[in-house]
């Protein structure tokens, strides 16, 4: 259900936001609503319990495996595929 909301903002911000909204073919109301939804979702994500992420996934994030600076992933993939399809 939609409801009206009155905001008091800097005039320049409003004008620039209107231009941005028009360029992206959205209403200013939609932009503000989406922004508020985003910050609410981010806050929910921050409050999630730590145990939702498995220790295996955490171990991947730590970066235990080092990759050489000159590593060529395209060449490595090419080698892998040529070996696979011999």
PDB file of N, CA and C in Angstrom:
ATOM      1  N   UNK A   1       0.835  -1.167   0.000  1.00  0.00           N
ATOM      2  CA  UNK A   1       0.000   0.000   0.000  1.00  0.00           C
ATOM      3  C   UNK A   1       0.891   1.245   0.000  1.00  0.00           C
ATOM      4  N   UNK A   2       0.637   2.138  -0.907  1.00  0.00           N
ATOM      5  CA  UNK A   2       1.408   3.374  -0.990  1.00  0.00           C
ATOM      6  C   UNK A   2       0.882   4.409  -0.002  1.00  0.00           C
ATOM      7  N   UNK A   3       1.809   5.241   0.467  1.00  0.00           N
ATOM      8  CA  UNK A   3       1.448   6.333   1.370  1.00  0.00           C
ATOM      9  C   UNK A   3       2.270   7.550   0.966  1.00  0.00           C
ATOM     10  N   UNK A   4       1.757   8.711   1.261  1.00  0.00           N
ATOM     11  CA  UNK A   4       2.468   9.950   0.944  1.00  0.00           C
ATOM     12  C   UNK A   4       3.493  10.261   2.016  1.00  0.00           C
ATOM     13  N   UNK A   5       4.595  10.876   1.582  1.00  0.00           N
ATOM     14  CA  UNK A   5       5.658  11.285   2.488  1.00  0.00           C
ATOM     15  C   UNK A   5       6.164  12.640   2.020  1.00  0.00           C
ATOM     16  N   UNK A   6       6.281  13.567   2.929  1.00  0.00           N
ATOM     17  CA  UNK A   6       6.817  14.884   2.600  1.00  0.00           C
ATOM     18  C   UNK A   6       8.240  14.953   3.118  1.00  0.00           C
ATOM     19  N   UNK A   7       9.158  15.320   2.224  1.00  0.00           N
ATOM     20  CA  UNK A   7      10.564  15.439   2.604  1.00  0.00           C
ATOM     21  C   UNK A   7      11.027  16.870   2.431  1.00  0.00           C
ATOM     22  N   UNK A   8      11.943  17.270   3.269  1.00  0.00           N
ATOM     23  CA  UNK A   8      12.542  18.596   3.155  1.00  0.00           C
ATOM     24  C   UNK A   8      14.010  18.375   2.813  1.00  0.00           C
ATOM     25  N   UNK A   9      14.375  18.734   1.566  1.00  0.00           N
ATOM     26  CA  UNK A   9      15.730  18.501   1.073  1.00  0.00           C
ATOM     27  C   UNK A   9      16.291  19.770   0.455  1.00  0.00           C
ATOM     28  N   UNK A  10      17.603  19.783   0.284  1.00  0.00           N
ATOM     29  CA  UNK A  10      18.280  20.881  -0.377  1.00  0.00           C
ATOM     30  C   UNK A  10      17.751  21.016  -1.811  1.00  0.00           C
ATOM     31  N   UNK A  11      17.482  22.239  -2.220  1.00  0.00           N
ATOM     32  CA  UNK A  11      16.886  22.511  -3.531  1.00  0.00           C
ATOM     33  C   UNK A  11      17.744  21.965  -4.675  1.00  0.00           C
ATOM     34  N   UNK A  12      19.065  22.162  -4.591  1.00  0.00           N
ATOM     35  CA  UNK A  12      19.965  21.672  -5.632  1.00  0.00           C
ATOM     36  C   UNK A  12      19.929  20.149  -5.729  1.00  0.00           C
ATOM     37  N   UNK A  13      19.854  19.499  -4.596  1.00  0.00           N
ATOM     38  CA  UNK A  13      19.783  18.033  -4.573  1.00  0.00           C
ATOM     39  C   UNK A  13      18.503  17.570  -5.267  1.00  0.00           C
ATOM     40  N   UNK A  14      17.429  18.227  -4.981  1.00  0.00           N
ATOM     41  CA  UNK A  14      16.144  17.862  -5.593  1.00  0.00           C
ATOM     42  C   UNK A  14      16.214  18.016  -7.107  1.00  0.00           C
ATOM     43  N   UNK A  15      16.736  19.140  -7.571  1.00  0.00           N
ATOM     44  CA  UNK A  15      16.815  19.385  -9.016  1.00  0.00           C
ATOM     45  C   UNK A  15      17.698  18.360  -9.718  1.00  0.00           C
ATOM     46  N   UNK A  16      18.862  18.076  -9.134  1.00  0.00           N
ATOM     47  CA  UNK A  16      19.766  17.092  -9.731  1.00  0.00           C
ATOM     48  C   UNK A  16      19.152  15.698  -9.691  1.00  0.00           C
ATOM     49  N   UNK A  17      18.453  15.380  -8.640  1.00  0.00           N
ATOM     50  CA  UNK A  17      17.795  14.082  -8.527  1.00  0.00           C
ATOM     51  C   UNK A  17      16.683  13.939  -9.556  1.00  0.00           C
ATOM     52  N   UNK A  18      15.950  15.014  -9.799  1.00  0.00           N
ATOM     53  CA  UNK A  18      14.896  14.987 -10.822  1.00  0.00           C
ATOM     54  C   UNK A  18      15.484  14.743 -12.203  1.00  0.00           C
ATOM     55  N   UNK A  19      16.597  15.410 -12.490  1.00  0.00           N
ATOM     56  CA  UNK A  19      17.269  15.213 -13.779  1.00  0.00           C
ATOM     57  C   UNK A  19      17.742  13.771 -13.910  1.00  0.00           C
ATOM     58  N   UNK A  20      18.379  13.272 -12.858  1.00  0.00           N
ATOM     59  CA  UNK A  20      18.853  11.881 -12.860  1.00  0.00           C
ATOM     60  C   UNK A  20      17.692  10.916 -13.084  1.00  0.00           C
ATOM     61  N   UNK A  21      16.615  11.104 -12.384  1.00  0.00           N
ATOM     62  CA  UNK A  21      15.444  10.231 -12.501  1.00  0.00           C
ATOM     63  C   UNK A  21      14.895  10.281 -13.927  1.00  0.00           C
ATOM     64  N   UNK A  22      14.795  11.466 -14.497  1.00  0.00           N
ATOM     65  CA  UNK A  22      14.265  11.600 -15.857  1.00  0.00           C
ATOM     66  C   UNK A  22      15.178  10.908 -16.868  1.00  0.00           C
ATOM     67  N   UNK A  23      16.485  11.074 -16.692  1.00  0.00           N
ATOM     68  CA  UNK A  23      17.441  10.431 -17.608  1.00  0.00           C
ATOM     69  C   UNK A  23      17.336   8.907 -17.560  1.00  0.00           C
ATOM     70  N   UNK A  24      16.964   8.374 -16.407  1.00  0.00           N
ATOM     71  CA  UNK A  24      16.861   6.919 -16.243  1.00  0.00           C
ATOM     72  C   UNK A  24      15.414   6.425 -16.346  1.00  0.00           C
ATOM     73  N   UNK A  25      14.535   7.338 -16.744  1.00  0.00           N
ATOM     74  CA  UNK A  25      13.119   7.009 -16.957  1.00  0.00           C
ATOM     75  C   UNK A  25      12.461   6.412 -15.706  1.00  0.00           C
ATOM     76  N   UNK A  26      12.758   7.036 -14.576  1.00  0.00           N
ATOM     77  CA  UNK A  26      12.161   6.644 -13.296  1.00  0.00           C
ATOM     78  C   UNK A  26      11.592   7.887 -12.622  1.00  0.00           C
ATOM     79  N   UNK A  27      10.711   7.654 -11.698  1.00  0.00           N
ATOM     80  CA  UNK A  27      10.216   8.780 -10.904  1.00  0.00           C
ATOM     81  C   UNK A  27      11.155   8.996  -9.723  1.00  0.00           C
ATOM     82  N   UNK A  28      11.127  10.182  -9.203  1.00  0.00           N
ATOM     83  CA  UNK A  28      11.928  10.495  -8.023  1.00  0.00           C
ATOM     84  C   UNK A  28      11.463   9.646  -6.843  1.00  0.00           C
ATOM     85  N   UNK A  29      10.167   9.423  -6.753  1.00  0.00           N
ATOM     86  CA  UNK A  29       9.620   8.575  -5.683  1.00  0.00           C
ATOM     87  C   UNK A  29      10.197   7.166  -5.745  1.00  0.00           C
ATOM     88  N   UNK A  30      10.287   6.618  -6.974  1.00  0.00           N
ATOM     89  CA  UNK A  30      10.826   5.266  -7.127  1.00  0.00           C
ATOM     90  C   UNK A  30      12.294   5.214  -6.714  1.00  0.00           C
ATOM     91  N   UNK A  31      13.057   6.232  -7.102  1.00  0.00           N
ATOM     92  CA  UNK A  31      14.477   6.262  -6.716  1.00  0.00           C
ATOM     93  C   UNK A  31      14.640   6.278  -5.204  1.00  0.00           C
ATOM     94  N   UNK A  32      13.876   7.118  -4.538  1.00  0.00           N
ATOM     95  CA  UNK A  32      13.982   7.222  -3.085  1.00  0.00           C
ATOM     96  C   UNK A  32      13.522   5.932  -2.425  1.00  0.00           C
ATOM     97  N   UNK A  33      12.423   5.358  -2.923  1.00  0.00           N
ATOM     98  CA  UNK A  33      11.935   4.092  -2.360  1.00  0.00           C
ATOM     99  C   UNK A  33      12.980   2.991  -2.513  1.00  0.00           C
ATOM    100  N   UNK A  34      13.584   2.891  -3.693  1.00  0.00           N
ATOM    101  CA  UNK A  34      14.611   1.865  -3.915  1.00  0.00           C
ATOM    102  C   UNK A  34      15.836   2.093  -3.046  1.00  0.00           C
ATOM    103  N   UNK A  35      16.222   3.346  -2.861  1.00  0.00           N
ATOM    104  CA  UNK A  35      17.337   3.662  -1.981  1.00  0.00           C
ATOM    105  C   UNK A  35      17.053   3.202  -0.552  1.00  0.00           C
ATOM    106  N   UNK A  36      15.866   3.522  -0.062  1.00  0.00           N
ATOM    107  CA  UNK A  36      15.502   3.137   1.300  1.00  0.00           C
ATOM    108  C   UNK A  36      15.443   1.620   1.443  1.00  0.00           C
ATOM    109  N   UNK A  37      14.912   0.924   0.442  1.00  0.00           N
ATOM    110  CA  UNK A  37      14.889  -0.542   0.475  1.00  0.00           C
ATOM    111  C   UNK A  37      16.302  -1.103   0.541  1.00  0.00           C
ATOM    112  N   UNK A  38      17.203  -0.489  -0.216  1.00  0.00           N
ATOM    113  CA  UNK A  38      18.589  -0.957  -0.242  1.00  0.00           C
ATOM    114  C   UNK A  38      19.257  -0.810   1.113  1.00  0.00           C
ATOM    115  N   UNK A  39      19.120   0.344   1.751  1.00  0.00           N
ATOM    116  CA  UNK A  39      19.790   0.510   3.047  1.00  0.00           C
ATOM    117  C   UNK A  39      19.160  -0.378   4.114  1.00  0.00           C
ATOM    118  N   UNK A  40      17.869  -0.649   3.998  1.00  0.00           N
ATOM    119  CA  UNK A  40      17.221  -1.566   4.942  1.00  0.00           C
ATOM    120  C   UNK A  40      17.776  -2.972   4.754  1.00  0.00           C
ATOM    121  N   UNK A  41      17.916  -3.410   3.499  1.00  0.00           N
ATOM    122  CA  UNK A  41      18.461  -4.740   3.213  1.00  0.00           C
ATOM    123  C   UNK A  41      19.894  -4.858   3.701  1.00  0.00           C
ATOM    124  N   UNK A  42      20.703  -3.832   3.472  1.00  0.00           N
ATOM    125  CA  UNK A  42      22.097  -3.860   3.921  1.00  0.00           C
ATOM    126  C   UNK A  42      22.186  -3.974   5.429  1.00  0.00           C
ATOM    127  N   UNK A  43      21.309  -3.283   6.114  1.00  0.00           N
ATOM    128  CA  UNK A  43      21.309  -3.360   7.577  1.00  0.00           C
ATOM    129  C   UNK A  43      20.941  -4.764   8.031  1.00  0.00           C
ATOM    130  N   UNK A  44      19.967  -5.368   7.371  1.00  0.00           N
ATOM    131  CA  UNK A  44      19.581  -6.743   7.714  1.00  0.00           C
ATOM    132  C   UNK A  44      20.750  -7.694   7.499  1.00  0.00           C
ATOM    133  N   UNK A  45      21.481  -7.493   6.407  1.00  0.00           N
ATOM    134  CA  UNK A  45      22.618  -8.359   6.113  1.00  0.00           C
ATOM    135  C   UNK A  45      23.693  -8.210   7.179  1.00  0.00           C
ATOM    136  N   UNK A  46      23.910  -6.990   7.655  1.00  0.00           N
ATOM    137  CA  UNK A  46      24.914  -6.747   8.690  1.00  0.00           C
ATOM    138  C   UNK A  46      24.544  -7.423  10.005  1.00  0.00           C
ATOM    139  N   UNK A  47      23.251  -7.566  10.262  1.00  0.00           N
ATOM    140  CA  UNK A  47      22.796  -8.114  11.536  1.00  0.00           C
ATOM    141  C   UNK A  47      22.677  -9.639  11.529  1.00  0.00           C
ATOM    142  N   UNK A  48      22.881 -10.258  10.364  1.00  0.00           N
ATOM    143  CA  UNK A  48      22.774 -11.721  10.311  1.00  0.00           C
ATOM    144  C   UNK A  48      23.819 -12.350  11.221  1.00  0.00           C
ATOM    145  N   UNK A  49      23.471 -13.501  11.721  1.00  0.00           N
ATOM    146  CA  UNK A  49      24.383 -14.193  12.618  1.00  0.00           C
ATOM    147  C   UNK A  49      25.607 -14.675  11.859  1.00  0.00           C
ATOM    148  N   UNK A  50      26.726 -14.658  12.536  1.00  0.00           N
ATOM    149  CA  UNK A  50      28.002 -15.050  11.955  1.00  0.00           C
ATOM    150  C   UNK A  50      28.000 -16.508  11.511  1.00  0.00           C
ATOM    151  N   UNK A  51      27.269 -17.371  12.194  1.00  0.00           N
ATOM    152  CA  UNK A  51      27.324 -18.798  11.903  1.00  0.00           C
ATOM    153  C   UNK A  51      26.603 -19.186  10.615  1.00  0.00           C
ATOM    154  N   UNK A  52      26.018 -18.244   9.902  1.00  0.00           N
ATOM    155  CA  UNK A  52      25.375 -18.562   8.638  1.00  0.00           C
ATOM    156  C   UNK A  52      26.408 -18.876   7.557  1.00  0.00           C
ATOM    157  N   UNK A  53      27.628 -18.413   7.701  1.00  0.00           N
ATOM    158  CA  UNK A  53      28.678 -18.672   6.722  1.00  0.00           C
ATOM    159  C   UNK A  53      29.499 -19.857   7.217  1.00  0.00           C
ATOM    160  N   UNK A  54      29.557 -20.892   6.393  1.00  0.00           N
ATOM    161  CA  UNK A  54      30.267 -22.102   6.810  1.00  0.00           C
ATOM    162  C   UNK A  54      31.768 -21.841   6.916  1.00  0.00           C
ATOM    163  N   UNK A  55      32.440 -22.664   7.685  1.00  0.00           N
ATOM    164  CA  UNK A  55      33.885 -22.507   7.858  1.00  0.00           C
ATOM    165  C   UNK A  55      34.614 -22.750   6.546  1.00  0.00           C
ATOM    166  N   UNK A  56      34.043 -23.631   5.698  1.00  0.00           N
ATOM    167  CA  UNK A  56      34.660 -23.887   4.396  1.00  0.00           C
ATOM    168  C   UNK A  56      34.656 -22.621   3.538  1.00  0.00           C
ATOM    169  N   UNK A  57      33.526 -21.944   3.498  1.00  0.00           N
ATOM    170  CA  UNK A  57      33.429 -20.718   2.706  1.00  0.00           C
ATOM    171  C   UNK A  57      34.348 -19.652   3.279  1.00  0.00           C
ATOM    172  N   UNK A  58      34.409 -19.569   4.595  1.00  0.00           N
ATOM    173  CA  UNK A  58      35.312 -18.599   5.218  1.00  0.00           C
ATOM    174  C   UNK A  58      36.762 -18.888   4.853  1.00  0.00           C
ATOM    175  N   UNK A  59      37.117 -20.162   4.803  1.00  0.00           N
ATOM    176  CA  UNK A  59      38.496 -20.514   4.467  1.00  0.00           C
ATOM    177  C   UNK A  59      38.843 -20.081   3.052  1.00  0.00           C
ATOM    178  N   UNK A  60      37.858 -20.090   2.164  1.00  0.00           N
ATOM    179  CA  UNK A  60      38.105 -19.640   0.797  1.00  0.00           C
ATOM    180  C   UNK A  60      38.345 -18.139   0.744  1.00  0.00           C
ATOM    181  N   UNK A  61      37.660 -17.404   1.596  1.00  0.00           N
ATOM    182  CA  UNK A  61      37.764 -15.951   1.598  1.00  0.00           C
ATOM    183  C   UNK A  61      39.080 -15.461   2.183  1.00  0.00           C
ATOM    184  N   UNK A  62      39.714 -16.267   3.005  1.00  0.00           N
ATOM    185  CA  UNK A  62      40.949 -15.852   3.666  1.00  0.00           C
ATOM    186  C   UNK A  62      42.080 -15.690   2.664  1.00  0.00           C
ATOM    187  N   UNK A  63      42.004 -16.385   1.550  1.00  0.00           N
ATOM    188  CA  UNK A  63      43.035 -16.263   0.524  1.00  0.00           C
ATOM    189  C   UNK A  63      44.248 -17.100   0.815  1.00  0.00           C
ATOM    190  N   UNK A  64      44.039 -18.342   1.223  1.00  0.00           N
ATOM    191  CA  UNK A  64      45.158 -19.233   1.532  1.00  0.00           C
ATOM    192  C   UNK A  64      45.960 -19.571   0.282  1.00  0.00           C
ATOM    193  N   UNK A  65      45.292 -19.670  -0.848  1.00  0.00           N
ATOM    194  CA  UNK A  65      45.985 -19.968  -2.090  1.00  0.00           C
ATOM    195  C   UNK A  65      46.504 -18.697  -2.727  1.00  0.00           C
ATOM    196  N   UNK A  66      47.771 -18.690  -3.062  1.00  0.00           N
ATOM    197  CA  UNK A  66      48.363 -17.512  -3.687  1.00  0.00           C
ATOM    198  C   UNK A  66      48.447 -17.745  -5.191  1.00  0.00           C
ATOM    199  N   UNK A  67      48.147 -16.720  -5.958  1.00  0.00           N
ATOM    200  CA  UNK A  67      48.221 -16.782  -7.407  1.00  0.00           C
ATOM    201  C   UNK A  67      49.346 -15.857  -7.844  1.00  0.00           C
ATOM    202  N   UNK A  68      50.202 -16.385  -8.717  1.00  0.00           N
ATOM    203  CA  UNK A  68      51.334 -15.602  -9.199  1.00  0.00           C
ATOM    204  C   UNK A  68      50.833 -14.375  -9.956  1.00  0.00           C
ATOM    205  N   UNK A  69      51.603 -13.302  -9.874  1.00  0.00           N
ATOM    206  CA  UNK A  69      51.223 -12.067 -10.559  1.00  0.00           C
ATOM    207  C   UNK A  69      51.150 -12.233 -12.071  1.00  0.00           C
ATOM    208  N   UNK A  70      51.978 -13.139 -12.617  1.00  0.00           N
ATOM    209  CA  UNK A  70      52.006 -13.333 -14.062  1.00  0.00           C
ATOM    210  C   UNK A  70      51.111 -14.494 -14.520  1.00  0.00           C
ATOM    211  N   UNK A  71      50.209 -14.966 -13.659  1.00  0.00           N
ATOM    212  CA  UNK A  71      49.319 -16.069 -13.988  1.00  0.00           C
ATOM    213  C   UNK A  71      48.397 -15.672 -15.138  1.00  0.00           C
ATOM    214  N   UNK A  72      48.354 -16.521 -16.176  1.00  0.00           N
ATOM    215  CA  UNK A  72      47.513 -16.276 -17.349  1.00  0.00           C
ATOM    216  C   UNK A  72      46.358 -17.263 -17.304  1.00  0.00           C
ATOM    217  N   UNK A  73      45.206 -16.819 -16.814  1.00  0.00           N
ATOM    218  CA  UNK A  73      44.078 -17.725 -16.643  1.00  0.00           C
ATOM    219  C   UNK A  73      43.546 -18.227 -17.986  1.00  0.00           C
ATOM    220  N   UNK A  74      43.658 -17.432 -19.027  1.00  0.00           N
ATOM    221  CA  UNK A  74      43.191 -17.877 -20.344  1.00  0.00           C
ATOM    222  C   UNK A  74      44.057 -19.032 -20.845  1.00  0.00           C
ATOM    223  N   UNK A  75      45.354 -18.907 -20.698  1.00  0.00           N
ATOM    224  CA  UNK A  75      46.271 -19.972 -21.116  1.00  0.00           C
ATOM    225  C   UNK A  75      46.050 -21.216 -20.266  1.00  0.00           C
ATOM    226  N   UNK A  76      45.854 -21.020 -18.969  1.00  0.00           N
ATOM    227  CA  UNK A  76      45.608 -22.140 -18.069  1.00  0.00           C
ATOM    228  C   UNK A  76      44.317 -22.870 -18.454  1.00  0.00           C
ATOM    229  N   UNK A  77      43.289 -22.122 -18.773  1.00  0.00           N
ATOM    230  CA  UNK A  77      42.012 -22.713 -19.194  1.00  0.00           C
ATOM    231  C   UNK A  77      42.178 -23.463 -20.517  1.00  0.00           C
ATOM    232  N   UNK A  78      42.925 -22.870 -21.426  1.00  0.00           N
ATOM    233  CA  UNK A  78      43.195 -23.515 -22.721  1.00  0.00           C
ATOM    234  C   UNK A  78      43.915 -24.845 -22.514  1.00  0.00           C
ATOM    235  N   UNK A  79      44.917 -24.856 -21.645  1.00  0.00           N
ATOM    236  CA  UNK A  79      45.647 -26.092 -21.350  1.00  0.00           C
ATOM    237  C   UNK A  79      44.733 -27.136 -20.721  1.00  0.00           C
ATOM    238  N   UNK A  80      43.901 -26.694 -19.798  1.00  0.00           N
ATOM    239  CA  UNK A  80      42.975 -27.603 -19.145  1.00  0.00           C
ATOM    240  C   UNK A  80      42.023 -28.242 -20.159  1.00  0.00           C
ATOM    241  N   UNK A  81      41.457 -27.440 -21.031  1.00  0.00           N
ATOM    242  CA  UNK A  81      40.502 -27.956 -22.010  1.00  0.00           C
ATOM    243  C   UNK A  81      41.169 -28.869 -23.033  1.00  0.00           C
ATOM    244  N   UNK A  82      42.381 -28.520 -23.438  1.00  0.00           N
ATOM    245  CA  UNK A  82      43.079 -29.387 -24.414  1.00  0.00           C
ATOM    246  C   UNK A  82      43.411 -30.738 -23.785  1.00  0.00           C
ATOM    247  N   UNK A  83      43.768 -30.763 -22.512  1.00  0.00           N
ATOM    248  CA  UNK A  83      44.034 -32.030 -21.817  1.00  0.00           C
ATOM    249  C   UNK A  83      42.727 -32.807 -21.627  1.00  0.00           C
ATOM    250  N   UNK A  84      41.680 -32.127 -21.313  1.00  0.00           N
ATOM    251  CA  UNK A  84      40.395 -32.780 -21.059  1.00  0.00           C
ATOM    252  C   UNK A  84      39.847 -33.451 -22.307  1.00  0.00           C
ATOM    253  N   UNK A  85      40.053 -32.834 -23.460  1.00  0.00           N
ATOM    254  CA  UNK A  85      39.449 -33.322 -24.692  1.00  0.00           C
ATOM    255  C   UNK A  85      40.440 -34.049 -25.597  1.00  0.00           C
ATOM    256  N   UNK A  86      41.487 -34.612 -25.032  1.00  0.00           N
ATOM    257  CA  UNK A  86      42.443 -35.401 -25.819  1.00  0.00           C
ATOM    258  C   UNK A  86      41.828 -36.710 -26.226  1.00  0.00           C
TER     259      UNK A  86
END
